[in-house]
PDB file of all heavy atoms in Angstrom:
ATOM      1  N   THR A   1       0.838  -1.190   0.000  1.00  0.00           N
ATOM      2  CA  THR A   1       0.000   0.000   0.000  1.00  0.00           C
ATOM      3  C   THR A   1       0.881   1.252   0.000  1.00  0.00           C
ATOM      4  O   THR A   1       1.910   1.320   0.670  1.00  0.00           O
ATOM      5  CB  THR A   1      -0.934   0.031   1.214  1.00  0.00           C
ATOM      6  OG1 THR A   1      -0.156  -0.030   2.404  1.00  0.00           O
ATOM      7  CG2 THR A   1      -1.907  -1.132   1.173  1.00  0.00           C
ATOM      8  N   ARG A   2       0.426   2.238  -0.758  1.00  0.00           N
ATOM      9  CA  ARG A   2       1.239   3.431  -0.980  1.00  0.00           C
ATOM     10  C   ARG A   2       1.536   4.186   0.313  1.00  0.00           C
ATOM     11  O   ARG A   2       2.665   4.628   0.535  1.00  0.00           O
ATOM     12  CB  ARG A   2       0.535   4.353  -1.979  1.00  0.00           C
ATOM     13  CG  ARG A   2       1.326   5.614  -2.297  1.00  0.00           C
ATOM     14  CD  ARG A   2       0.688   6.366  -3.454  1.00  0.00           C
ATOM     15  NE  ARG A   2       1.447   7.558  -3.782  1.00  0.00           N
ATOM     16  CZ  ARG A   2       1.237   8.294  -4.865  1.00  0.00           C
ATOM     17  NH1 ARG A   2       0.287   7.954  -5.717  1.00  0.00           N
ATOM     18  NH2 ARG A   2       1.956   9.363  -5.108  1.00  0.00           N
ATOM     19  N   THR A   3       0.539   4.345   1.168  1.00  0.00           N
ATOM     20  CA  THR A   3       0.736   5.125   2.386  1.00  0.00           C
ATOM     21  C   THR A   3       1.707   4.441   3.333  1.00  0.00           C
ATOM     22  O   THR A   3       2.553   5.089   3.953  1.00  0.00           O
ATOM     23  CB  THR A   3      -0.618   5.382   3.079  1.00  0.00           C
ATOM     24  OG1 THR A   3      -1.511   6.005   2.149  1.00  0.00           O
ATOM     25  CG2 THR A   3      -0.449   6.295   4.279  1.00  0.00           C
ATOM     26  N   GLU A   4       1.604   3.123   3.466  1.00  0.00           N
ATOM     27  CA  GLU A   4       2.544   2.397   4.322  1.00  0.00           C
ATOM     28  C   GLU A   4       3.968   2.523   3.786  1.00  0.00           C
ATOM     29  O   GLU A   4       4.923   2.717   4.563  1.00  0.00           O
ATOM     30  CB  GLU A   4       2.151   0.929   4.418  1.00  0.00           C
ATOM     31  CG  GLU A   4       0.924   0.648   5.248  1.00  0.00           C
ATOM     32  CD  GLU A   4       0.626  -0.832   5.320  1.00  0.00           C
ATOM     33  OE1 GLU A   4       1.255  -1.529   6.150  1.00  0.00           O
ATOM     34  OE2 GLU A   4      -0.218  -1.313   4.535  1.00  0.00           O
ATOM     35  N   LEU A   5       4.124   2.396   2.483  1.00  0.00           N
ATOM     36  CA  LEU A   5       5.459   2.536   1.897  1.00  0.00           C
ATOM     37  C   LEU A   5       5.990   3.953   2.077  1.00  0.00           C
ATOM     38  O   LEU A   5       7.157   4.152   2.418  1.00  0.00           O
ATOM     39  CB  LEU A   5       5.413   2.168   0.412  1.00  0.00           C
ATOM     40  CG  LEU A   5       5.281   0.680   0.090  1.00  0.00           C
ATOM     41  CD1 LEU A   5       5.017   0.477  -1.394  1.00  0.00           C
ATOM     42  CD2 LEU A   5       6.539  -0.093   0.512  1.00  0.00           C
ATOM     43  N   GLU A   6       5.131   4.940   1.865  1.00  0.00           N
ATOM     44  CA  GLU A   6       5.559   6.324   2.023  1.00  0.00           C
ATOM     45  C   GLU A   6       6.004   6.603   3.455  1.00  0.00           C
ATOM     46  O   GLU A   6       7.013   7.269   3.688  1.00  0.00           O
ATOM     47  CB  GLU A   6       4.409   7.265   1.642  1.00  0.00           C
ATOM     48  CG  GLU A   6       4.798   8.728   1.600  1.00  0.00           C
ATOM     49  CD  GLU A   6       3.660   9.614   1.150  1.00  0.00           C
ATOM     50  OE1 GLU A   6       2.475   9.238   1.352  1.00  0.00           O
ATOM     51  OE2 GLU A   6       3.940  10.704   0.597  1.00  0.00           O
ATOM     52  N   GLY A   7       5.263   6.070   4.417  1.00  0.00           N
ATOM     53  CA  GLY A   7       5.649   6.248   5.809  1.00  0.00           C
ATOM     54  C   GLY A   7       6.957   5.568   6.139  1.00  0.00           C
ATOM     55  O   GLY A   7       7.772   6.085   6.906  1.00  0.00           O
ATOM     56  N   ALA A   8       7.182   4.389   5.572  1.00  0.00           N
ATOM     57  CA  ALA A   8       8.423   3.657   5.841  1.00  0.00           C
ATOM     58  C   ALA A   8       9.621   4.321   5.184  1.00  0.00           C
ATOM     59  O   ALA A   8      10.722   4.326   5.745  1.00  0.00           O
ATOM     60  CB  ALA A   8       8.285   2.220   5.348  1.00  0.00           C
ATOM     61  N   ILE A   9       9.416   4.896   4.001  1.00  0.00           N
ATOM     62  CA  ILE A   9      10.516   5.549   3.288  1.00  0.00           C
ATOM     63  C   ILE A   9      10.933   6.834   3.990  1.00  0.00           C
ATOM     64  O   ILE A   9      12.120   7.128   4.143  1.00  0.00           O
ATOM     65  CB  ILE A   9      10.109   5.840   1.827  1.00  0.00           C
ATOM     66  CG1 ILE A   9       9.950   4.531   1.058  1.00  0.00           C
ATOM     67  CG2 ILE A   9      11.146   6.727   1.146  1.00  0.00           C
ATOM     68  CD1 ILE A   9       9.304   4.712  -0.310  1.00  0.00           C
ATOM     69  N   GLY A  10       9.951   7.626   4.438  1.00  0.00           N
ATOM     70  CA  GLY A  10      10.271   8.900   5.079  1.00  0.00           C
ATOM     71  C   GLY A  10      10.857   9.880   4.088  1.00  0.00           C
ATOM     72  O   GLY A  10      10.609   9.813   2.891  1.00  0.00           O
ATOM     73  N   GLY A  11      11.655  10.806   4.595  1.00  0.00           N
ATOM     74  CA  GLY A  11      12.273  11.805   3.719  1.00  0.00           C
ATOM     75  C   GLY A  11      13.446  11.226   2.950  1.00  0.00           C
ATOM     76  O   GLY A  11      13.860  10.087   3.124  1.00  0.00           O
ATOM     77  N   GLY A  12      13.958  12.037   2.055  1.00  0.00           N
ATOM     78  CA  GLY A  12      15.106  11.592   1.253  1.00  0.00           C
ATOM     79  C   GLY A  12      14.674  11.086  -0.099  1.00  0.00           C
ATOM     80  O   GLY A  12      13.546  10.641  -0.291  1.00  0.00           O
ATOM     81  N   GLY A  13      15.590  11.132  -1.058  1.00  0.00           N
ATOM     82  CA  GLY A  13      15.248  10.761  -2.418  1.00  0.00           C
ATOM     83  C   GLY A  13      15.955   9.536  -2.938  1.00  0.00           C
ATOM     84  O   GLY A  13      16.031   9.344  -4.157  1.00  0.00           O
ATOM     85  N   ASP A  14      16.502   8.698  -2.037  1.00  0.00           N
ATOM     86  CA  ASP A  14      17.237   7.530  -2.497  1.00  0.00           C
ATOM     87  C   ASP A  14      16.316   6.410  -2.960  1.00  0.00           C
ATOM     88  O   ASP A  14      16.736   5.502  -3.682  1.00  0.00           O
ATOM     89  CB  ASP A  14      18.168   7.013  -1.394  1.00  0.00           C
ATOM     90  CG  ASP A  14      17.438   6.723  -0.098  1.00  0.00           C
ATOM     91  OD1 ASP A  14      16.425   7.398   0.173  1.00  0.00           O
ATOM     92  OD2 ASP A  14      17.874   5.823   0.649  1.00  0.00           O
ATOM     93  N   ILE A  15      15.035   6.455  -2.558  1.00  0.00           N
ATOM     94  CA  ILE A  15      14.061   5.443  -2.951  1.00  0.00           C
ATOM     95  C   ILE A  15      12.912   6.130  -3.673  1.00  0.00           C
ATOM     96  O   ILE A  15      12.348   7.108  -3.181  1.00  0.00           O
ATOM     97  CB  ILE A  15      13.527   4.674  -1.734  1.00  0.00           C
ATOM     98  CG1 ILE A  15      14.665   3.901  -1.051  1.00  0.00           C
ATOM     99  CG2 ILE A  15      12.412   3.707  -2.141  1.00  0.00           C
ATOM    100  CD1 ILE A  15      14.239   3.172   0.202  1.00  0.00           C
ATOM    101  N   ALA A  16      12.554   5.630  -4.852  1.00  0.00           N
ATOM    102  CA  ALA A  16      11.423   6.170  -5.616  1.00  0.00           C
ATOM    103  C   ALA A  16      10.150   5.427  -5.231  1.00  0.00           C
ATOM    104  O   ALA A  16      10.188   4.244  -4.867  1.00  0.00           O
ATOM    105  CB  ALA A  16      11.681   6.025  -7.113  1.00  0.00           C
ATOM    106  N   LEU A  17       9.026   6.128  -5.304  1.00  0.00           N
ATOM    107  CA  LEU A  17       7.727   5.538  -4.974  1.00  0.00           C
ATOM    108  C   LEU A  17       6.754   5.834  -6.110  1.00  0.00           C
ATOM    109  O   LEU A  17       6.517   7.000  -6.448  1.00  0.00           O
ATOM    110  CB  LEU A  17       7.196   6.114  -3.667  1.00  0.00           C
ATOM    111  CG  LEU A  17       5.840   5.583  -3.171  1.00  0.00           C
ATOM    112  CD1 LEU A  17       5.914   4.087  -2.902  1.00  0.00           C
ATOM    113  CD2 LEU A  17       5.398   6.328  -1.924  1.00  0.00           C
ATOM    114  N   ASP A  18       6.202   4.784  -6.704  1.00  0.00           N
ATOM    115  CA  ASP A  18       5.315   4.936  -7.863  1.00  0.00           C
ATOM    116  C   ASP A  18       4.024   4.161  -7.645  1.00  0.00           C
ATOM    117  O   ASP A  18       4.055   3.004  -7.206  1.00  0.00           O
ATOM    118  CB  ASP A  18       5.986   4.408  -9.134  1.00  0.00           C
ATOM    119  CG  ASP A  18       7.301   5.120  -9.436  1.00  0.00           C
ATOM    120  OD1 ASP A  18       7.243   6.269  -9.896  1.00  0.00           O
ATOM    121  OD2 ASP A  18       8.363   4.512  -9.191  1.00  0.00           O
ATOM    122  N   PRO A  19       2.868   4.770  -7.958  1.00  0.00           N
ATOM    123  CA  PRO A  19       1.602   4.028  -7.875  1.00  0.00           C
ATOM    124  C   PRO A  19       1.515   2.975  -8.964  1.00  0.00           C
ATOM    125  O   PRO A  19       2.155   3.086 -10.019  1.00  0.00           O
ATOM    126  CB  PRO A  19       0.551   5.126  -8.073  1.00  0.00           C
ATOM    127  CG  PRO A  19       1.242   6.166  -8.881  1.00  0.00           C
ATOM    128  CD  PRO A  19       2.679   6.150  -8.437  1.00  0.00           C
ATOM    129  N   LEU A  20       0.736   1.938  -8.705  1.00  0.00           N
ATOM    130  CA  LEU A  20       0.500   0.876  -9.680  1.00  0.00           C
ATOM    131  C   LEU A  20      -0.973   0.867 -10.050  1.00  0.00           C
ATOM    132  O   LEU A  20      -1.833   0.834  -9.164  1.00  0.00           O
ATOM    133  CB  LEU A  20       0.906  -0.485  -9.111  1.00  0.00           C
ATOM    134  CG  LEU A  20       2.397  -0.669  -8.800  1.00  0.00           C
ATOM    135  CD1 LEU A  20       2.614  -1.991  -8.066  1.00  0.00           C
ATOM    136  CD2 LEU A  20       3.226  -0.634 -10.078  1.00  0.00           C
ATOM    137  N   GLY A  21      -1.271   0.874 -11.350  1.00  0.00           N
ATOM    138  CA  GLY A  21      -2.658   0.931 -11.771  1.00  0.00           C
ATOM    139  C   GLY A  21      -3.028  -0.007 -12.887  1.00  0.00           C
ATOM    140  O   GLY A  21      -4.083   0.148 -13.493  1.00  0.00           O
ATOM    141  N   MET A  22      -2.171  -0.990 -13.187  1.00  0.00           N
ATOM    142  CA  MET A  22      -2.510  -1.894 -14.299  1.00  0.00           C
ATOM    143  C   MET A  22      -3.723  -2.752 -13.953  1.00  0.00           C
ATOM    144  O   MET A  22      -3.908  -3.156 -12.792  1.00  0.00           O
ATOM    145  CB  MET A  22      -1.312  -2.769 -14.665  1.00  0.00           C
ATOM    146  CG  MET A  22      -0.759  -3.631 -13.565  1.00  0.00           C
ATOM    147  SD  MET A  22       0.507  -2.844 -12.533  1.00  0.00           S
ATOM    148  CE  MET A  22       1.798  -2.496 -13.700  1.00  0.00           C
ATOM    149  N   PRO A  23      -4.581  -3.030 -14.937  1.00  0.00           N
ATOM    150  CA  PRO A  23      -5.830  -3.763 -14.665  1.00  0.00           C
ATOM    151  C   PRO A  23      -5.612  -5.161 -14.098  1.00  0.00           C
ATOM    152  O   PRO A  23      -6.485  -5.700 -13.417  1.00  0.00           O
ATOM    153  CB  PRO A  23      -6.519  -3.813 -16.035  1.00  0.00           C
ATOM    154  CG  PRO A  23      -5.442  -3.537 -17.042  1.00  0.00           C
ATOM    155  CD  PRO A  23      -4.457  -2.651 -16.362  1.00  0.00           C
ATOM    156  N   GLU A  24      -4.477  -5.770 -14.367  1.00  0.00           N
ATOM    157  CA  GLU A  24      -4.236  -7.132 -13.876  1.00  0.00           C
ATOM    158  C   GLU A  24      -4.166  -7.200 -12.346  1.00  0.00           C
ATOM    159  O   GLU A  24      -4.266  -8.288 -11.763  1.00  0.00           O
ATOM    160  CB  GLU A  24      -2.928  -7.671 -14.466  1.00  0.00           C
ATOM    161  CG  GLU A  24      -2.993  -7.973 -15.956  1.00  0.00           C
ATOM    162  CD  GLU A  24      -2.646  -6.751 -16.803  1.00  0.00           C
ATOM    163  OE1 GLU A  24      -2.576  -5.621 -16.251  1.00  0.00           O
ATOM    164  OE2 GLU A  24      -2.440  -6.922 -18.009  1.00  0.00           O
ATOM    165  N   LEU A  25      -4.000  -6.055 -11.697  1.00  0.00           N
ATOM    166  CA  LEU A  25      -3.964  -6.057 -10.241  1.00  0.00           C
ATOM    167  C   LEU A  25      -5.309  -6.471  -9.640  1.00  0.00           C
ATOM    168  O   LEU A  25      -5.369  -6.959  -8.513  1.00  0.00           O
ATOM    169  CB  LEU A  25      -3.600  -4.666  -9.715  1.00  0.00           C
ATOM    170  CG  LEU A  25      -2.126  -4.274  -9.794  1.00  0.00           C
ATOM    171  CD1 LEU A  25      -1.963  -2.796  -9.458  1.00  0.00           C
ATOM    172  CD2 LEU A  25      -1.300  -5.118  -8.839  1.00  0.00           C
ATOM    173  N   ARG A  26      -6.385  -6.227 -10.415  1.00  0.00           N
ATOM    174  CA  ARG A  26      -7.740  -6.577  -9.982  1.00  0.00           C
ATOM    175  C   ARG A  26      -8.128  -5.884  -8.682  1.00  0.00           C
ATOM    176  O   ARG A  26      -8.946  -6.396  -7.903  1.00  0.00           O
ATOM    177  CB  ARG A  26      -7.892  -8.098  -9.838  1.00  0.00           C
ATOM    178  CG  ARG A  26      -7.717  -8.846 -11.149  1.00  0.00           C
ATOM    179  CD  ARG A  26      -7.944 -10.329 -10.986  1.00  0.00           C
ATOM    180  NE  ARG A  26      -7.764 -11.025 -12.245  1.00  0.00           N
ATOM    181  CZ  ARG A  26      -7.880 -12.342 -12.395  1.00  0.00           C
ATOM    182  NH1 ARG A  26      -8.185 -13.098 -11.357  1.00  0.00           N
ATOM    183  NH2 ARG A  26      -7.686 -12.901 -13.578  1.00  0.00           N
ATOM    184  N   ILE A  27      -7.549  -4.755  -8.414  1.00  0.00           N
ATOM    185  CA  ILE A  27      -7.918  -3.977  -7.242  1.00  0.00           C
ATOM    186  C   ILE A  27      -7.701  -2.503  -7.577  1.00  0.00           C
ATOM    187  O   ILE A  27      -6.626  -2.109  -8.024  1.00  0.00           O
ATOM    188  CB  ILE A  27      -7.110  -4.405  -6.001  1.00  0.00           C
ATOM    189  CG1 ILE A  27      -7.590  -3.654  -4.759  1.00  0.00           C
ATOM    190  CG2 ILE A  27      -5.618  -4.223  -6.194  1.00  0.00           C
ATOM    191  CD1 ILE A  27      -7.026  -4.210  -3.464  1.00  0.00           C
ATOM    192  N   ARG A  28      -8.736  -1.724  -7.408  1.00  0.00           N
ATOM    193  CA  ARG A  28      -8.663  -0.299  -7.679  1.00  0.00           C
ATOM    194  C   ARG A  28      -8.308   0.449  -6.393  1.00  0.00           C
ATOM    195  O   ARG A  28      -8.404  -0.109  -5.300  1.00  0.00           O
ATOM    196  CB  ARG A  28     -10.016   0.202  -8.213  1.00  0.00           C
ATOM    197  CG  ARG A  28     -10.447  -0.445  -9.529  1.00  0.00           C
ATOM    198  CD  ARG A  28     -11.816   0.070  -9.929  1.00  0.00           C
ATOM    199  NE  ARG A  28     -12.277  -0.523 -11.181  1.00  0.00           N
ATOM    200  CZ  ARG A  28     -13.458  -0.285 -11.718  1.00  0.00           C
ATOM    201  NH1 ARG A  28     -14.307   0.544 -11.116  1.00  0.00           N
ATOM    202  NH2 ARG A  28     -13.795  -0.864 -12.854  1.00  0.00           N
ATOM    203  N   PRO A  29      -7.919   1.712  -6.516  1.00  0.00           N
ATOM    204  CA  PRO A  29      -7.755   2.515  -5.290  1.00  0.00           C
ATOM    205  C   PRO A  29      -9.029   2.460  -4.452  1.00  0.00           C
ATOM    206  O   PRO A  29     -10.141   2.502  -4.989  1.00  0.00           O
ATOM    207  CB  PRO A  29      -7.497   3.920  -5.844  1.00  0.00           C
ATOM    208  CG  PRO A  29      -6.863   3.680  -7.180  1.00  0.00           C
ATOM    209  CD  PRO A  29      -7.554   2.463  -7.733  1.00  0.00           C
ATOM    210  N   TRP A  30      -8.867   2.335  -3.148  1.00  0.00           N
ATOM    211  CA  TRP A  30     -10.039   2.160  -2.297  1.00  0.00           C
ATOM    212  C   TRP A  30     -10.064   3.234  -1.208  1.00  0.00           C
ATOM    213  O   TRP A  30      -9.058   3.554  -0.604  1.00  0.00           O
ATOM    214  CB  TRP A  30     -10.064   0.771  -1.681  1.00  0.00           C
ATOM    215  CG  TRP A  30      -8.889   0.419  -0.800  1.00  0.00           C
ATOM    216  CD1 TRP A  30      -8.851   0.471   0.555  1.00  0.00           C
ATOM    217  CD2 TRP A  30      -7.586  -0.040  -1.229  1.00  0.00           C
ATOM    218  NE1 TRP A  30      -7.609   0.057   1.016  1.00  0.00           N
ATOM    219  CE2 TRP A  30      -6.821  -0.255  -0.060  1.00  0.00           C
ATOM    220  CE3 TRP A  30      -7.017  -0.290  -2.481  1.00  0.00           C
ATOM    221  CZ2 TRP A  30      -5.501  -0.695  -0.107  1.00  0.00           C
ATOM    222  CZ3 TRP A  30      -5.696  -0.724  -2.522  1.00  0.00           C
ATOM    223  CH2 TRP A  30      -4.953  -0.927  -1.355  1.00  0.00           C
ATOM    224  N   PRO A  31     -11.258   3.805  -0.946  1.00  0.00           N
ATOM    225  CA  PRO A  31     -11.391   4.808   0.105  1.00  0.00           C
ATOM    226  C   PRO A  31     -11.463   4.165   1.483  1.00  0.00           C
ATOM    227  O   PRO A  31     -12.114   3.129   1.672  1.00  0.00           O
ATOM    228  CB  PRO A  31     -12.700   5.525  -0.241  1.00  0.00           C
ATOM    229  CG  PRO A  31     -13.475   4.538  -1.036  1.00  0.00           C
ATOM    230  CD  PRO A  31     -12.494   3.639  -1.725  1.00  0.00           C
ATOM    231  N   LEU A  32     -10.786   4.788   2.429  1.00  0.00           N
ATOM    232  CA  LEU A  32     -10.831   4.356   3.817  1.00  0.00           C
ATOM    233  C   LEU A  32     -11.799   5.232   4.588  1.00  0.00           C
ATOM    234  O   LEU A  32     -11.802   6.455   4.432  1.00  0.00           O
ATOM    235  CB  LEU A  32      -9.437   4.453   4.449  1.00  0.00           C
ATOM    236  CG  LEU A  32      -8.332   3.625   3.795  1.00  0.00           C
ATOM    237  CD1 LEU A  32      -6.989   3.950   4.441  1.00  0.00           C
ATOM    238  CD2 LEU A  32      -8.646   2.140   3.897  1.00  0.00           C
ATOM    239  N   GLY A  33     -12.625   4.607   5.420  1.00  0.00           N
ATOM    240  CA  GLY A  33     -13.609   5.363   6.182  1.00  0.00           C
ATOM    241  C   GLY A  33     -13.795   4.800   7.573  1.00  0.00           C
ATOM    242  O   GLY A  33     -12.857   4.287   8.179  1.00  0.00           O
ATOM    243  N   MET A  34     -15.031   4.895   8.081  1.00  0.00           N
ATOM    244  CA  MET A  34     -15.336   4.535   9.461  1.00  0.00           C
ATOM    245  C   MET A  34     -16.504   3.565   9.501  1.00  0.00           C
ATOM    246  O   MET A  34     -17.240   3.417   8.535  1.00  0.00           O
ATOM    247  CB  MET A  34     -15.715   5.783  10.266  1.00  0.00           C
ATOM    248  CG  MET A  34     -14.744   6.923  10.184  1.00  0.00           C
ATOM    249  SD  MET A  34     -15.343   8.364  11.132  1.00  0.00           S
ATOM    250  CE  MET A  34     -15.648   9.496   9.792  1.00  0.00           C
ATOM    251  N   ALA A  35     -16.683   2.939  10.661  1.00  0.00           N
ATOM    252  CA  ALA A  35     -17.831   2.061  10.876  1.00  0.00           C
ATOM    253  C   ALA A  35     -18.342   2.229  12.299  1.00  0.00           C
ATOM    254  O   ALA A  35     -17.560   2.346  13.248  1.00  0.00           O
ATOM    255  CB  ALA A  35     -17.458   0.598  10.627  1.00  0.00           C
ATOM    256  N   VAL A  36     -19.662   2.264  12.427  1.00  0.00           N
ATOM    257  CA  VAL A  36     -20.339   2.260  13.730  1.00  0.00           C
ATOM    258  C   VAL A  36     -21.403   1.161  13.686  1.00  0.00           C
ATOM    259  O   VAL A  36     -21.648   0.557  12.646  1.00  0.00           O
ATOM    260  CB  VAL A  36     -20.987   3.630  14.049  1.00  0.00           C
ATOM    261  CG1 VAL A  36     -19.937   4.726  14.103  1.00  0.00           C
ATOM    262  CG2 VAL A  36     -22.070   3.970  13.022  1.00  0.00           C
ATOM    263  N   LYS A  37     -22.050   0.921  14.811  1.00  0.00           N
ATOM    264  CA  LYS A  37     -23.145  -0.038  14.819  1.00  0.00           C
ATOM    265  C   LYS A  37     -24.248   0.416  13.860  1.00  0.00           C
ATOM    266  O   LYS A  37     -24.454   1.608  13.654  1.00  0.00           O
ATOM    267  CB  LYS A  37     -23.713  -0.182  16.235  1.00  0.00           C
ATOM    268  CG  LYS A  37     -22.818  -0.932  17.190  1.00  0.00           C
ATOM    269  CD  LYS A  37     -23.484  -1.043  18.552  1.00  0.00           C
ATOM    270  CE  LYS A  37     -22.575  -1.773  19.538  1.00  0.00           C
ATOM    271  NZ  LYS A  37     -23.196  -1.857  20.882  1.00  0.00           N
ATOM    272  N   LYS A  38     -24.963  -0.534  13.321  1.00  0.00           N
ATOM    273  CA  LYS A  38     -25.987  -0.240  12.323  1.00  0.00           C
ATOM    274  C   LYS A  38     -27.008   0.768  12.824  1.00  0.00           C
ATOM    275  O   LYS A  38     -27.469   1.632  12.067  1.00  0.00           O
ATOM    276  CB  LYS A  38     -26.684  -1.543  11.916  1.00  0.00           C
ATOM    277  CG  LYS A  38     -27.662  -1.376  10.755  1.00  0.00           C
ATOM    278  CD  LYS A  38     -26.922  -1.044   9.466  1.00  0.00           C
ATOM    279  CE  LYS A  38     -27.865  -1.019   8.279  1.00  0.00           C
ATOM    280  NZ  LYS A  38     -27.153  -0.688   7.018  1.00  0.00           N
ATOM    281  N   ASP A  39     -27.389   0.674  14.106  1.00  0.00           N
ATOM    282  CA  ASP A  39     -28.432   1.549  14.623  1.00  0.00           C
ATOM    283  C   ASP A  39     -27.894   2.850  15.215  1.00  0.00           C
ATOM    284  O   ASP A  39     -28.640   3.601  15.849  1.00  0.00           O
ATOM    285  CB  ASP A  39     -29.275   0.811  15.670  1.00  0.00           C
ATOM    286  CG  ASP A  39     -28.445   0.274  16.827  1.00  0.00           C
ATOM    287  OD1 ASP A  39     -27.208   0.460  16.808  1.00  0.00           O
ATOM    288  OD2 ASP A  39     -29.026  -0.337  17.743  1.00  0.00           O
ATOM    289  N   SER A  40     -26.603   3.129  15.019  1.00  0.00           N
ATOM    290  CA  SER A  40     -26.013   4.361  15.552  1.00  0.00           C
ATOM    291  C   SER A  40     -26.010   5.455  14.491  1.00  0.00           C
ATOM    292  O   SER A  40     -24.965   6.027  14.161  1.00  0.00           O
ATOM    293  CB  SER A  40     -24.588   4.091  16.060  1.00  0.00           C
ATOM    294  OG  SER A  40     -24.590   3.202  17.142  1.00  0.00           O
ATOM    295  N   GLY A  41     -27.193   5.739  13.961  1.00  0.00           N
ATOM    296  CA  GLY A  41     -27.295   6.723  12.893  1.00  0.00           C
ATOM    297  C   GLY A  41     -26.914   8.119  13.322  1.00  0.00           C
ATOM    298  O   GLY A  41     -26.272   8.867  12.564  1.00  0.00           O
ATOM    299  N   GLN A  42     -27.307   8.526  14.534  1.00  0.00           N
ATOM    300  CA  GLN A  42     -26.959   9.865  15.005  1.00  0.00           C
ATOM    301  C   GLN A  42     -25.450  10.025  15.136  1.00  0.00           C
ATOM    302  O   GLN A  42     -24.896  11.073  14.793  1.00  0.00           O
ATOM    303  CB  GLN A  42     -27.634  10.145  16.341  1.00  0.00           C
ATOM    304  CG  GLN A  42     -29.118  10.453  16.230  1.00  0.00           C
ATOM    305  CD  GLN A  42     -29.703  10.820  17.577  1.00  0.00           C
ATOM    306  OE1 GLN A  42     -29.601  10.054  18.546  1.00  0.00           O
ATOM    307  NE2 GLN A  42     -30.319  11.985  17.661  1.00  0.00           N
ATOM    308  N   LEU A  43     -24.797   8.992  15.635  1.00  0.00           N
ATOM    309  CA  LEU A  43     -23.352   9.054  15.778  1.00  0.00           C
ATOM    310  C   LEU A  43     -22.686   9.134  14.409  1.00  0.00           C
ATOM    311  O   LEU A  43     -21.737   9.906  14.205  1.00  0.00           O
ATOM    312  CB  LEU A  43     -22.845   7.829  16.540  1.00  0.00           C
ATOM    313  CG  LEU A  43     -21.325   7.723  16.724  1.00  0.00           C
ATOM    314  CD1 LEU A  43     -20.773   8.948  17.450  1.00  0.00           C
ATOM    315  CD2 LEU A  43     -20.966   6.441  17.476  1.00  0.00           C
TER     316      LEU A  43
END
């Protein structure tokens, strides 16, 4: 995952970081969000 790699690399330019988007990956970029109990609509 890009964010984990970016965090591990930190500053400096000795390591390049490139996104991967070829269709054979069978996984698109995915949004991260939150979860609460089903009946916790107000929350």
